[in-house]
Amino acid sequence: TEIDLLYGLLEQMQPSPVVTLNRAVAVSKVRGPEAALAMIEPLEDRLSGYFHFFGLRGGLLMQLGRNEEARIAFDRAIALANTAAEAAHIRMHIDRLIKESSERTPAKKAH
């Protein structure tokens, strides 16, 4: 809660979409992923080339069970990754999405 307040002050003193993005991380811990997603959605145009925007968006969508949208955001994050480590981190989330999806969808039996 305190970190959210501090980011709120920073937003007032030095407004920027990246500060808001960072604040959304704190908000997600206190108020949940839906509140954080609502904060970052208006930033998409200004952060359309920013790896961390799409990584966070994908993570929030995944927490909300919106896996198809999460996958799209994660794919965009990988395309924007500056390092192999960033891309690998996002691939771990995609692998988790795939695993969870396959666990929920039972395999069809051949006739």
PDB file of N, CA and C in Angstrom:
ATOM      1  N   THR A   1       0.824  -1.191   0.000  1.00  0.00           N
ATOM      2  CA  THR A   1       0.000   0.000   0.000  1.00  0.00           C
ATOM      3  C   THR A   1       0.867   1.255   0.000  1.00  0.00           C
ATOM      4  N   GLU A   2       1.912   1.255   0.821  1.00  0.00           N
ATOM      5  CA  GLU A   2       2.792   2.425   0.892  1.00  0.00           C
ATOM      6  C   GLU A   2       3.500   2.672  -0.441  1.00  0.00           C
ATOM      7  N   ILE A   3       3.919   1.593  -1.102  1.00  0.00           N
ATOM      8  CA  ILE A   3       4.608   1.765  -2.388  1.00  0.00           C
ATOM      9  C   ILE A   3       3.655   2.375  -3.414  1.00  0.00           C
ATOM     10  N   ASP A   4       2.386   1.988  -3.363  1.00  0.00           N
ATOM     11  CA  ASP A   4       1.383   2.573  -4.253  1.00  0.00           C
ATOM     12  C   ASP A   4       1.272   4.074  -4.002  1.00  0.00           C
ATOM     13  N   LEU A   5       1.239   4.474  -2.736  1.00  0.00           N
ATOM     14  CA  LEU A   5       1.162   5.900  -2.395  1.00  0.00           C
ATOM     15  C   LEU A   5       2.398   6.652  -2.880  1.00  0.00           C
ATOM     16  N   LEU A   6       3.561   6.045  -2.710  1.00  0.00           N
ATOM     17  CA  LEU A   6       4.797   6.687  -3.159  1.00  0.00           C
ATOM     18  C   LEU A   6       4.820   6.844  -4.678  1.00  0.00           C
ATOM     19  N   TYR A   7       4.388   5.802  -5.388  1.00  0.00           N
ATOM     20  CA  TYR A   7       4.311   5.923  -6.847  1.00  0.00           C
ATOM     21  C   TYR A   7       3.278   6.970  -7.251  1.00  0.00           C
ATOM     22  N   GLY A   8       2.192   7.078  -6.485  1.00  0.00           N
ATOM     23  CA  GLY A   8       1.196   8.113  -6.754  1.00  0.00           C
ATOM     24  C   GLY A   8       1.792   9.506  -6.647  1.00  0.00           C
ATOM     25  N   LEU A   9       2.620   9.713  -5.629  1.00  0.00           N
ATOM     26  CA  LEU A   9       3.316  11.000  -5.479  1.00  0.00           C
ATOM     27  C   LEU A   9       4.280  11.236  -6.630  1.00  0.00           C
ATOM     28  N   LEU A  10       5.015  10.194  -7.002  1.00  0.00           N
ATOM     29  CA  LEU A  10       5.960  10.318  -8.114  1.00  0.00           C
ATOM     30  C   LEU A  10       5.226  10.644  -9.409  1.00  0.00           C
ATOM     31  N   GLU A  11       4.060  10.034  -9.615  1.00  0.00           N
ATOM     32  CA  GLU A  11       3.255  10.334 -10.805  1.00  0.00           C
ATOM     33  C   GLU A  11       2.862  11.808 -10.851  1.00  0.00           C
ATOM     34  N   GLN A  12       2.556  12.379  -9.685  1.00  0.00           N
ATOM     35  CA  GLN A  12       2.184  13.792  -9.634  1.00  0.00           C
ATOM     36  C   GLN A  12       3.386  14.693  -9.884  1.00  0.00           C
ATOM     37  N   MET A  13       4.549  14.302  -9.339  1.00  0.00           N
ATOM     38  CA  MET A  13       5.748  15.131  -9.463  1.00  0.00           C
ATOM     39  C   MET A  13       6.408  14.987 -10.831  1.00  0.00           C
ATOM     40  N   GLN A  14       6.452  13.770 -11.339  1.00  0.00           N
ATOM     41  CA  GLN A  14       7.093  13.498 -12.629  1.00  0.00           C
ATOM     42  C   GLN A  14       6.235  12.517 -13.419  1.00  0.00           C
ATOM     43  N   PRO A  15       5.122  12.988 -13.948  1.00  0.00           N
ATOM     44  CA  PRO A  15       4.235  12.070 -14.658  1.00  0.00           C
ATOM     45  C   PRO A  15       4.915  11.455 -15.883  1.00  0.00           C
ATOM     46  N   SER A  16       4.779  10.154 -16.002  1.00  0.00           N
ATOM     47  CA  SER A  16       5.268   9.456 -17.190  1.00  0.00           C
ATOM     48  C   SER A  16       4.563   8.112 -17.270  1.00  0.00           C
ATOM     49  N   PRO A  17       4.404   7.588 -18.478  1.00  0.00           N
ATOM     50  CA  PRO A  17       3.747   6.292 -18.603  1.00  0.00           C
ATOM     51  C   PRO A  17       4.528   5.167 -17.920  1.00  0.00           C
ATOM     52  N   VAL A  18       5.837   5.283 -17.848  1.00  0.00           N
ATOM     53  CA  VAL A  18       6.640   4.240 -17.199  1.00  0.00           C
ATOM     54  C   VAL A  18       6.419   4.262 -15.684  1.00  0.00           C
ATOM     55  N   VAL A  19       6.287   5.438 -15.096  1.00  0.00           N
ATOM     56  CA  VAL A  19       5.984   5.528 -13.662  1.00  0.00           C
ATOM     57  C   VAL A  19       4.619   4.888 -13.398  1.00  0.00           C
ATOM     58  N   THR A  20       3.643   5.173 -14.249  1.00  0.00           N
ATOM     59  CA  THR A  20       2.317   4.575 -14.091  1.00  0.00           C
ATOM     60  C   THR A  20       2.391   3.059 -14.242  1.00  0.00           C
ATOM     61  N   LEU A  21       3.181   2.588 -15.181  1.00  0.00           N
ATOM     62  CA  LEU A  21       3.363   1.144 -15.369  1.00  0.00           C
ATOM     63  C   LEU A  21       3.940   0.512 -14.108  1.00  0.00           C
ATOM     64  N   ASN A  22       4.943   1.160 -13.534  1.00  0.00           N
ATOM     65  CA  ASN A  22       5.540   0.646 -12.298  1.00  0.00           C
ATOM     66  C   ASN A  22       4.540   0.688 -11.142  1.00  0.00           C
ATOM     67  N   ARG A  23       3.757   1.741 -11.085  1.00  0.00           N
ATOM     68  CA  ARG A  23       2.737   1.832 -10.033  1.00  0.00           C
ATOM     69  C   ARG A  23       1.714   0.707 -10.184  1.00  0.00           C
ATOM     70  N   ALA A  24       1.398   0.353 -11.412  1.00  0.00           N
ATOM     71  CA  ALA A  24       0.421  -0.713 -11.659  1.00  0.00           C
ATOM     72  C   ALA A  24       0.868  -2.045 -11.060  1.00  0.00           C
ATOM     73  N   VAL A  25       2.168  -2.279 -11.019  1.00  0.00           N
ATOM     74  CA  VAL A  25       2.675  -3.507 -10.391  1.00  0.00           C
ATOM     75  C   VAL A  25       2.289  -3.514  -8.913  1.00  0.00           C
ATOM     76  N   ALA A  26       2.507  -2.388  -8.236  1.00  0.00           N
ATOM     77  CA  ALA A  26       2.138  -2.287  -6.819  1.00  0.00           C
ATOM     78  C   ALA A  26       0.630  -2.425  -6.640  1.00  0.00           C
ATOM     79  N   VAL A  27      -0.128  -1.792  -7.512  1.00  0.00           N
ATOM     80  CA  VAL A  27      -1.591  -1.858  -7.440  1.00  0.00           C
ATOM     81  C   VAL A  27      -2.068  -3.296  -7.613  1.00  0.00           C
ATOM     82  N   SER A  28      -1.422  -4.043  -8.495  1.00  0.00           N
ATOM     83  CA  SER A  28      -1.847  -5.432  -8.720  1.00  0.00           C
ATOM     84  C   SER A  28      -1.711  -6.271  -7.454  1.00  0.00           C
ATOM     85  N   LYS A  29      -0.722  -5.955  -6.637  1.00  0.00           N
ATOM     86  CA  LYS A  29      -0.506  -6.701  -5.389  1.00  0.00           C
ATOM     87  C   LYS A  29      -1.553  -6.343  -4.336  1.00  0.00           C
ATOM     88  N   VAL A  30      -2.004  -5.087  -4.350  1.00  0.00           N
ATOM     89  CA  VAL A  30      -2.930  -4.602  -3.326  1.00  0.00           C
ATOM     90  C   VAL A  30      -4.393  -4.749  -3.761  1.00  0.00           C
ATOM     91  N   ARG A  31      -4.686  -4.347  -4.999  1.00  0.00           N
ATOM     92  CA  ARG A  31      -6.082  -4.318  -5.456  1.00  0.00           C
ATOM     93  C   ARG A  31      -6.405  -5.366  -6.513  1.00  0.00           C
ATOM     94  N   GLY A  32      -5.392  -6.095  -6.964  1.00  0.00           N
ATOM     95  CA  GLY A  32      -5.629  -7.173  -7.917  1.00  0.00           C
ATOM     96  C   GLY A  32      -5.297  -6.807  -9.351  1.00  0.00           C
ATOM     97  N   PRO A  33      -5.217  -7.844 -10.206  1.00  0.00           N
ATOM     98  CA  PRO A  33      -4.795  -7.637 -11.589  1.00  0.00           C
ATOM     99  C   PRO A  33      -5.766  -6.810 -12.422  1.00  0.00           C
ATOM    100  N   GLU A  34      -7.051  -6.876 -12.118  1.00  0.00           N
ATOM    101  CA  GLU A  34      -8.022  -6.114 -12.905  1.00  0.00           C
ATOM    102  C   GLU A  34      -7.820  -4.611 -12.736  1.00  0.00           C
ATOM    103  N   ALA A  35      -7.562  -4.174 -11.505  1.00  0.00           N
ATOM    104  CA  ALA A  35      -7.317  -2.748 -11.246  1.00  0.00           C
ATOM    105  C   ALA A  35      -6.038  -2.290 -11.945  1.00  0.00           C
ATOM    106  N   ALA A  36      -5.021  -3.126 -11.900  1.00  0.00           N
ATOM    107  CA  ALA A  36      -3.750  -2.777 -12.548  1.00  0.00           C
ATOM    108  C   ALA A  36      -3.903  -2.728 -14.062  1.00  0.00           C
ATOM    109  N   LEU A  37      -4.638  -3.680 -14.612  1.00  0.00           N
ATOM    110  CA  LEU A  37      -4.860  -3.705 -16.057  1.00  0.00           C
ATOM    111  C   LEU A  37      -5.599  -2.446 -16.507  1.00  0.00           C
ATOM    112  N   ALA A  38      -6.580  -2.020 -15.716  1.00  0.00           N
ATOM    113  CA  ALA A  38      -7.318  -0.791 -16.040  1.00  0.00           C
ATOM    114  C   ALA A  38      -6.386   0.420 -16.053  1.00  0.00           C
ATOM    115  N   MET A  39      -5.364   0.399 -15.211  1.00  0.00           N
ATOM    116  CA  MET A  39      -4.400   1.512 -15.173  1.00  0.00           C
ATOM    117  C   MET A  39      -3.511   1.549 -16.405  1.00  0.00           C
ATOM    118  N   ILE A  40      -3.119   0.363 -16.898  1.00  0.00           N
ATOM    119  CA  ILE A  40      -2.126   0.346 -17.981  1.00  0.00           C
ATOM    120  C   ILE A  40      -2.733   0.351 -19.377  1.00  0.00           C
ATOM    121  N   GLU A  41      -3.984  -0.066 -19.519  1.00  0.00           N
ATOM    122  CA  GLU A  41      -4.587  -0.116 -20.856  1.00  0.00           C
ATOM    123  C   GLU A  41      -4.488   1.219 -21.601  1.00  0.00           C
ATOM    124  N   PRO A  42      -4.743   2.365 -20.941  1.00  0.00           N
ATOM    125  CA  PRO A  42      -4.638   3.642 -21.666  1.00  0.00           C
ATOM    126  C   PRO A  42      -3.210   3.984 -22.110  1.00  0.00           C
ATOM    127  N   LEU A  43      -2.224   3.252 -21.614  1.00  0.00           N
ATOM    128  CA  LEU A  43      -0.824   3.546 -21.942  1.00  0.00           C
ATOM    129  C   LEU A  43      -0.340   2.835 -23.198  1.00  0.00           C
ATOM    130  N   GLU A  44      -1.151   1.937 -23.756  1.00  0.00           N
ATOM    131  CA  GLU A  44      -0.661   1.078 -24.839  1.00  0.00           C
ATOM    132  C   GLU A  44      -0.098   1.859 -26.021  1.00  0.00           C
ATOM    133  N   ASP A  45      -0.773   2.906 -26.449  1.00  0.00           N
ATOM    134  CA  ASP A  45      -0.265   3.672 -27.596  1.00  0.00           C
ATOM    135  C   ASP A  45       1.103   4.280 -27.305  1.00  0.00           C
ATOM    136  N   ARG A  46       1.269   4.823 -26.098  1.00  0.00           N
ATOM    137  CA  ARG A  46       2.538   5.474 -25.757  1.00  0.00           C
ATOM    138  C   ARG A  46       3.654   4.478 -25.464  1.00  0.00           C
ATOM    139  N   LEU A  47       3.290   3.253 -25.078  1.00  0.00           N
ATOM    140  CA  LEU A  47       4.302   2.245 -24.736  1.00  0.00           C
ATOM    141  C   LEU A  47       4.284   1.075 -25.719  1.00  0.00           C
ATOM    142  N   SER A  48       3.839   1.330 -26.948  1.00  0.00           N
ATOM    143  CA  SER A  48       3.686   0.256 -27.935  1.00  0.00           C
ATOM    144  C   SER A  48       5.001  -0.417 -28.315  1.00  0.00           C
ATOM    145  N   GLY A  49       6.115   0.214 -28.023  1.00  0.00           N
ATOM    146  CA  GLY A  49       7.416  -0.378 -28.314  1.00  0.00           C
ATOM    147  C   GLY A  49       8.193  -0.753 -27.068  1.00  0.00           C
ATOM    148  N   TYR A  50       7.497  -0.869 -25.943  1.00  0.00           N
ATOM    149  CA  TYR A  50       8.160  -1.082 -24.651  1.00  0.00           C
ATOM    150  C   TYR A  50       7.920  -2.507 -24.156  1.00  0.00           C
ATOM    151  N   PHE A  51       8.978  -3.275 -24.101  1.00  0.00           N
ATOM    152  CA  PHE A  51       8.937  -4.676 -23.675  1.00  0.00           C
ATOM    153  C   PHE A  51       8.167  -4.864 -22.374  1.00  0.00           C
ATOM    154  N   HIS A  52       8.472  -4.030 -21.373  1.00  0.00           N
ATOM    155  CA  HIS A  52       7.900  -4.218 -20.040  1.00  0.00           C
ATOM    156  C   HIS A  52       6.385  -4.005 -20.006  1.00  0.00           C
ATOM    157  N   PHE A  53       5.875  -3.150 -20.882  1.00  0.00           N
ATOM    158  CA  PHE A  53       4.423  -2.964 -20.945  1.00  0.00           C
ATOM    159  C   PHE A  53       3.745  -4.280 -21.299  1.00  0.00           C
ATOM    160  N   PHE A  54       4.228  -4.924 -22.353  1.00  0.00           N
ATOM    161  CA  PHE A  54       3.584  -6.150 -22.817  1.00  0.00           C
ATOM    162  C   PHE A  54       3.851  -7.330 -21.888  1.00  0.00           C
ATOM    163  N   GLY A  55       4.999  -7.337 -21.235  1.00  0.00           N
ATOM    164  CA  GLY A  55       5.257  -8.376 -20.239  1.00  0.00           C
ATOM    165  C   GLY A  55       4.291  -8.273 -19.074  1.00  0.00           C
ATOM    166  N   LEU A  56       4.107  -7.048 -18.565  1.00  0.00           N
ATOM    167  CA  LEU A  56       3.171  -6.840 -17.456  1.00  0.00           C
ATOM    168  C   LEU A  56       1.740  -7.115 -17.902  1.00  0.00           C
ATOM    169  N   ARG A  57       1.370  -6.618 -19.066  1.00  0.00           N
ATOM    170  CA  ARG A  57       0.002  -6.835 -19.569  1.00  0.00           C
ATOM    171  C   ARG A  57      -0.281  -8.336 -19.681  1.00  0.00           C
ATOM    172  N   GLY A  58       0.669  -9.074 -20.241  1.00  0.00           N
ATOM    173  CA  GLY A  58       0.490 -10.521 -20.361  1.00  0.00           C
ATOM    174  C   GLY A  58       0.331 -11.191 -19.009  1.00  0.00           C
ATOM    175  N   GLY A  59       1.146 -10.782 -18.049  1.00  0.00           N
ATOM    176  CA  GLY A  59       1.063 -11.360 -16.713  1.00  0.00           C
ATOM    177  C   GLY A  59      -0.263 -11.078 -16.034  1.00  0.00           C
ATOM    178  N   LEU A  60      -0.752  -9.862 -16.182  1.00  0.00           N
ATOM    179  CA  LEU A  60      -2.042  -9.501 -15.579  1.00  0.00           C
ATOM    180  C   LEU A  60      -3.184 -10.269 -16.241  1.00  0.00           C
ATOM    181  N   LEU A  61      -3.140 -10.356 -17.561  1.00  0.00           N
ATOM    182  CA  LEU A  61      -4.174 -11.103 -18.278  1.00  0.00           C
ATOM    183  C   LEU A  61      -4.145 -12.579 -17.894  1.00  0.00           C
ATOM    184  N   MET A  62      -2.958 -13.126 -17.717  1.00  0.00           N
ATOM    185  CA  MET A  62      -2.825 -14.523 -17.315  1.00  0.00           C
ATOM    186  C   MET A  62      -3.450 -14.734 -15.935  1.00  0.00           C
ATOM    187  N   GLN A  63      -3.208 -13.811 -15.012  1.00  0.00           N
ATOM    188  CA  GLN A  63      -3.805 -13.908 -13.676  1.00  0.00           C
ATOM    189  C   GLN A  63      -5.332 -13.873 -13.736  1.00  0.00           C
ATOM    190  N   LEU A  64      -5.856 -13.182 -14.728  1.00  0.00           N
ATOM    191  CA  LEU A  64      -7.308 -13.075 -14.886  1.00  0.00           C
ATOM    192  C   LEU A  64      -7.898 -14.237 -15.682  1.00  0.00           C
ATOM    193  N   GLY A  65      -7.040 -15.161 -16.134  1.00  0.00           N
ATOM    194  CA  GLY A  65      -7.517 -16.303 -16.910  1.00  0.00           C
ATOM    195  C   GLY A  65      -7.816 -15.974 -18.359  1.00  0.00           C
ATOM    196  N   ARG A  66      -7.368 -14.826 -18.820  1.00  0.00           N
ATOM    197  CA  ARG A  66      -7.586 -14.402 -20.208  1.00  0.00           C
ATOM    198  C   ARG A  66      -6.365 -14.816 -21.027  1.00  0.00           C
ATOM    199  N   ASN A  67      -6.223 -16.135 -21.178  1.00  0.00           N
ATOM    200  CA  ASN A  67      -4.986 -16.711 -21.694  1.00  0.00           C
ATOM    201  C   ASN A  67      -4.680 -16.385 -23.149  1.00  0.00           C
ATOM    202  N   GLU A  68      -5.695 -16.304 -23.996  1.00  0.00           N
ATOM    203  CA  GLU A  68      -5.432 -15.966 -25.404  1.00  0.00           C
ATOM    204  C   GLU A  68      -4.864 -14.548 -25.518  1.00  0.00           C
ATOM    205  N   GLU A  69      -5.470 -13.626 -24.793  1.00  0.00           N
ATOM    206  CA  GLU A  69      -4.977 -12.247 -24.796  1.00  0.00           C
ATOM    207  C   GLU A  69      -3.585 -12.174 -24.174  1.00  0.00           C
ATOM    208  N   ALA A  70      -3.371 -12.966 -23.128  1.00  0.00           N
ATOM    209  CA  ALA A  70      -2.052 -13.005 -22.484  1.00  0.00           C
ATOM    210  C   ALA A  70      -1.004 -13.486 -23.471  1.00  0.00           C
ATOM    211  N   ARG A  71      -1.333 -14.515 -24.233  1.00  0.00           N
ATOM    212  CA  ARG A  71      -0.389 -15.068 -25.212  1.00  0.00           C
ATOM    213  C   ARG A  71      -0.010 -14.009 -26.249  1.00  0.00           C
ATOM    214  N   ILE A  72      -0.982 -13.256 -26.706  1.00  0.00           N
ATOM    215  CA  ILE A  72      -0.715 -12.196 -27.690  1.00  0.00           C
ATOM    216  C   ILE A  72       0.224 -11.146 -27.090  1.00  0.00           C
ATOM    217  N   ALA A  73      -0.040 -10.747 -25.850  1.00  0.00           N
ATOM    218  CA  ALA A  73       0.822  -9.758 -25.187  1.00  0.00           C
ATOM    219  C   ALA A  73       2.229 -10.313 -24.990  1.00  0.00           C
ATOM    220  N   PHE A  74       2.329 -11.576 -24.576  1.00  0.00           N
ATOM    221  CA  PHE A  74       3.646 -12.189 -24.380  1.00  0.00           C
ATOM    222  C   PHE A  74       4.405 -12.304 -25.703  1.00  0.00           C
ATOM    223  N   ASP A  75       3.709 -12.653 -26.776  1.00  0.00           N
ATOM    224  CA  ASP A  75       4.370 -12.724 -28.088  1.00  0.00           C
ATOM    225  C   ASP A  75       4.933 -11.361 -28.480  1.00  0.00           C
ATOM    226  N   ARG A  76       4.177 -10.313 -28.205  1.00  0.00           N
ATOM    227  CA  ARG A  76       4.647  -8.947 -28.507  1.00  0.00           C
ATOM    228  C   ARG A  76       5.853  -8.600 -27.640  1.00  0.00           C
ATOM    229  N   ALA A  77       5.821  -9.005 -26.373  1.00  0.00           N
ATOM    230  CA  ALA A  77       6.957  -8.747 -25.477  1.00  0.00           C
ATOM    231  C   ALA A  77       8.215  -9.427 -26.005  1.00  0.00           C
ATOM    232  N   ILE A  78       8.085 -10.663 -26.462  1.00  0.00           N
ATOM    233  CA  ILE A  78       9.252 -11.373 -27.004  1.00  0.00           C
ATOM    234  C   ILE A  78       9.797 -10.636 -28.220  1.00  0.00           C
ATOM    235  N   ALA A  79       8.904 -10.153 -29.072  1.00  0.00           N
ATOM    236  CA  ALA A  79       9.346  -9.413 -30.262  1.00  0.00           C
ATOM    237  C   ALA A  79      10.101  -8.140 -29.884  1.00  0.00           C
ATOM    238  N   LEU A  80       9.783  -7.577 -28.722  1.00  0.00           N
ATOM    239  CA  LEU A  80      10.416  -6.332 -28.275  1.00  0.00           C
ATOM    240  C   LEU A  80      11.581  -6.554 -27.316  1.00  0.00           C
ATOM    241  N   ALA A  81      11.844  -7.803 -26.958  1.00  0.00           N
ATOM    242  CA  ALA A  81      12.894  -8.101 -25.972  1.00  0.00           C
ATOM    243  C   ALA A  81      14.242  -7.569 -26.439  1.00  0.00           C
ATOM    244  N   ASN A  82      14.960  -6.972 -25.495  1.00  0.00           N
ATOM    245  CA  ASN A  82      16.288  -6.430 -25.794  1.00  0.00           C
ATOM    246  C   ASN A  82      17.395  -7.447 -25.568  1.00  0.00           C
ATOM    247  N   THR A  83      17.099  -8.474 -24.798  1.00  0.00           N
ATOM    248  CA  THR A  83      18.114  -9.488 -24.491  1.00  0.00           C
ATOM    249  C   THR A  83      17.490 -10.875 -24.582  1.00  0.00           C
ATOM    250  N   ALA A  84      18.354 -11.868 -24.717  1.00  0.00           N
ATOM    251  CA  ALA A  84      17.891 -13.256 -24.732  1.00  0.00           C
ATOM    252  C   ALA A  84      17.251 -13.615 -23.395  1.00  0.00           C
ATOM    253  N   ALA A  85      17.761 -13.045 -22.308  1.00  0.00           N
ATOM    254  CA  ALA A  85      17.212 -13.332 -20.978  1.00  0.00           C
ATOM    255  C   ALA A  85      15.777 -12.818 -20.857  1.00  0.00           C
ATOM    256  N   GLU A  86      15.504 -11.631 -21.395  1.00  0.00           N
ATOM    257  CA  GLU A  86      14.135 -11.109 -21.367  1.00  0.00           C
ATOM    258  C   GLU A  86      13.199 -12.032 -22.137  1.00  0.00           C
ATOM    259  N   ALA A  87      13.627 -12.436 -23.324  1.00  0.00           N
ATOM    260  CA  ALA A  87      12.799 -13.323 -24.144  1.00  0.00           C
ATOM    261  C   ALA A  87      12.577 -14.663 -23.447  1.00  0.00           C
ATOM    262  N   ALA A  88      13.623 -15.205 -22.830  1.00  0.00           N
ATOM    263  CA  ALA A  88      13.510 -16.492 -22.131  1.00  0.00           C
ATOM    264  C   ALA A  88      12.535 -16.398 -20.961  1.00  0.00           C
ATOM    265  N   HIS A  89      12.567 -15.281 -20.255  1.00  0.00           N
ATOM    266  CA  HIS A  89      11.649 -15.090 -19.128  1.00  0.00           C
ATOM    267  C   HIS A  89      10.193 -15.117 -19.604  1.00  0.00           C
ATOM    268  N   ILE A  90       9.920 -14.452 -20.696  1.00  0.00           N
ATOM    269  CA  ILE A  90       8.559 -14.424 -21.238  1.00  0.00           C
ATOM    270  C   ILE A  90       8.171 -15.799 -21.774  1.00  0.00           C
ATOM    271  N   ARG A  91       9.114 -16.505 -22.397  1.00  0.00           N
ATOM    272  CA  ARG A  91       8.816 -17.856 -22.897  1.00  0.00           C
ATOM    273  C   ARG A  91       8.396 -18.786 -21.760  1.00  0.00           C
ATOM    274  N   MET A  92       8.960 -18.587 -20.564  1.00  0.00           N
ATOM    275  CA  MET A  92       8.552 -19.396 -19.405  1.00  0.00           C
ATOM    276  C   MET A  92       7.065 -19.183 -19.103  1.00  0.00           C
ATOM    277  N   HIS A  93       6.609 -17.954 -19.221  1.00  0.00           N
ATOM    278  CA  HIS A  93       5.186 -17.669 -18.993  1.00  0.00           C
ATOM    279  C   HIS A  93       4.323 -18.324 -20.077  1.00  0.00           C
ATOM    280  N   ILE A  94       4.786 -18.260 -21.322  1.00  0.00           N
ATOM    281  CA  ILE A  94       4.040 -18.890 -22.416  1.00  0.00           C
ATOM    282  C   ILE A  94       3.978 -20.398 -22.200  1.00  0.00           C
ATOM    283  N   ASP A  95       5.095 -20.994 -21.806  1.00  0.00           N
ATOM    284  CA  ASP A  95       5.107 -22.438 -21.531  1.00  0.00           C
ATOM    285  C   ASP A  95       4.100 -22.787 -20.442  1.00  0.00           C
ATOM    286  N   ARG A  96       4.018 -21.941 -19.421  1.00  0.00           N
ATOM    287  CA  ARG A  96       3.059 -22.168 -18.340  1.00  0.00           C
ATOM    288  C   ARG A  96       1.624 -22.073 -18.854  1.00  0.00           C
ATOM    289  N   LEU A  97       1.369 -21.096 -19.725  1.00  0.00           N
ATOM    290  CA  LEU A  97       0.039 -20.970 -20.325  1.00  0.00           C
ATOM    291  C   LEU A  97      -0.328 -22.225 -21.104  1.00  0.00           C
ATOM    292  N   ILE A  98       0.618 -22.707 -21.903  1.00  0.00           N
ATOM    293  CA  ILE A  98       0.375 -23.901 -22.718  1.00  0.00           C
ATOM    294  C   ILE A  98       0.114 -25.106 -21.822  1.00  0.00           C
ATOM    295  N   LYS A  99       0.923 -25.250 -20.779  1.00  0.00           N
ATOM    296  CA  LYS A  99       0.762 -26.380 -19.857  1.00  0.00           C
ATOM    297  C   LYS A  99      -0.600 -26.324 -19.169  1.00  0.00           C
ATOM    298  N   GLU A 100      -0.963 -25.159 -18.653  1.00  0.00           N
ATOM    299  CA  GLU A 100      -2.251 -25.018 -17.971  1.00  0.00           C
ATOM    300  C   GLU A 100      -3.413 -25.269 -18.924  1.00  0.00           C
ATOM    301  N   SER A 101      -3.266 -24.814 -20.153  1.00  0.00           N
ATOM    302  CA  SER A 101      -4.315 -25.009 -21.146  1.00  0.00           C
ATOM    303  C   SER A 101      -4.486 -26.490 -21.469  1.00  0.00           C
ATOM    304  N   SER A 102      -3.375 -27.205 -21.617  1.00  0.00           N
ATOM    305  CA  SER A 102      -3.458 -28.633 -21.940  1.00  0.00           C
ATOM    306  C   SER A 102      -3.989 -29.438 -20.760  1.00  0.00           C
ATOM    307  N   GLU A 103      -3.736 -28.983 -19.535  1.00  0.00           N
ATOM    308  CA  GLU A 103      -4.257 -29.680 -18.356  1.00  0.00           C
ATOM    309  C   GLU A 103      -5.768 -29.508 -18.232  1.00  0.00           C
ATOM    310  N   ARG A 104      -6.274 -28.374 -18.703  1.00  0.00           N
ATOM    311  CA  ARG A 104      -7.719 -28.125 -18.633  1.00  0.00           C
ATOM    312  C   ARG A 104      -8.473 -28.802 -19.769  1.00  0.00           C
ATOM    313  N   THR A 105      -7.779 -29.060 -20.879  1.00  0.00           N
ATOM    314  CA  THR A 105      -8.408 -29.658 -22.043  1.00  0.00           C
ATOM    315  C   THR A 105      -7.965 -31.107 -22.149  1.00  0.00           C
ATOM    316  N   PRO A 106      -8.832 -32.045 -21.778  1.00  0.00           N
ATOM    317  CA  PRO A 106      -8.429 -33.447 -21.864  1.00  0.00           C
ATOM    318  C   PRO A 106      -8.199 -33.866 -23.313  1.00  0.00           C
ATOM    319  N   ALA A 107      -7.249 -34.754 -23.501  1.00  0.00           N
ATOM    320  CA  ALA A 107      -6.933 -35.249 -24.842  1.00  0.00           C
ATOM    321  C   ALA A 107      -8.123 -36.031 -25.387  1.00  0.00           C
ATOM    322  N   LYS A 108      -8.379 -35.867 -26.671  1.00  0.00           N
ATOM    323  CA  LYS A 108      -9.478 -36.595 -27.304  1.00  0.00           C
ATOM    324  C   LYS A 108      -9.002 -37.991 -27.666  1.00  0.00           C
ATOM    325  N   LYS A 109      -9.881 -38.958 -27.466  1.00  0.00           N
ATOM    326  CA  LYS A 109      -9.549 -40.342 -27.794  1.00  0.00           C
ATOM    327  C   LYS A 109      -9.811 -40.589 -29.270  1.00  0.00           C
ATOM    328  N   ALA A 110      -8.927 -41.374 -29.881  1.00  0.00           N
ATOM    329  CA  ALA A 110      -9.116 -41.755 -31.279  1.00  0.00           C
ATOM    330  C   ALA A 110     -10.174 -42.850 -31.354  1.00  0.00           C
ATOM    331  N   HIS A 111     -10.981 -42.834 -32.398  1.00  0.00           N
ATOM    332  CA  HIS A 111     -12.035 -43.856 -32.543  1.00  0.00           C
ATOM    333  C   HIS A 111     -11.545 -44.981 -33.381  1.00  0.00           C
TER     334      HIS A 111
END
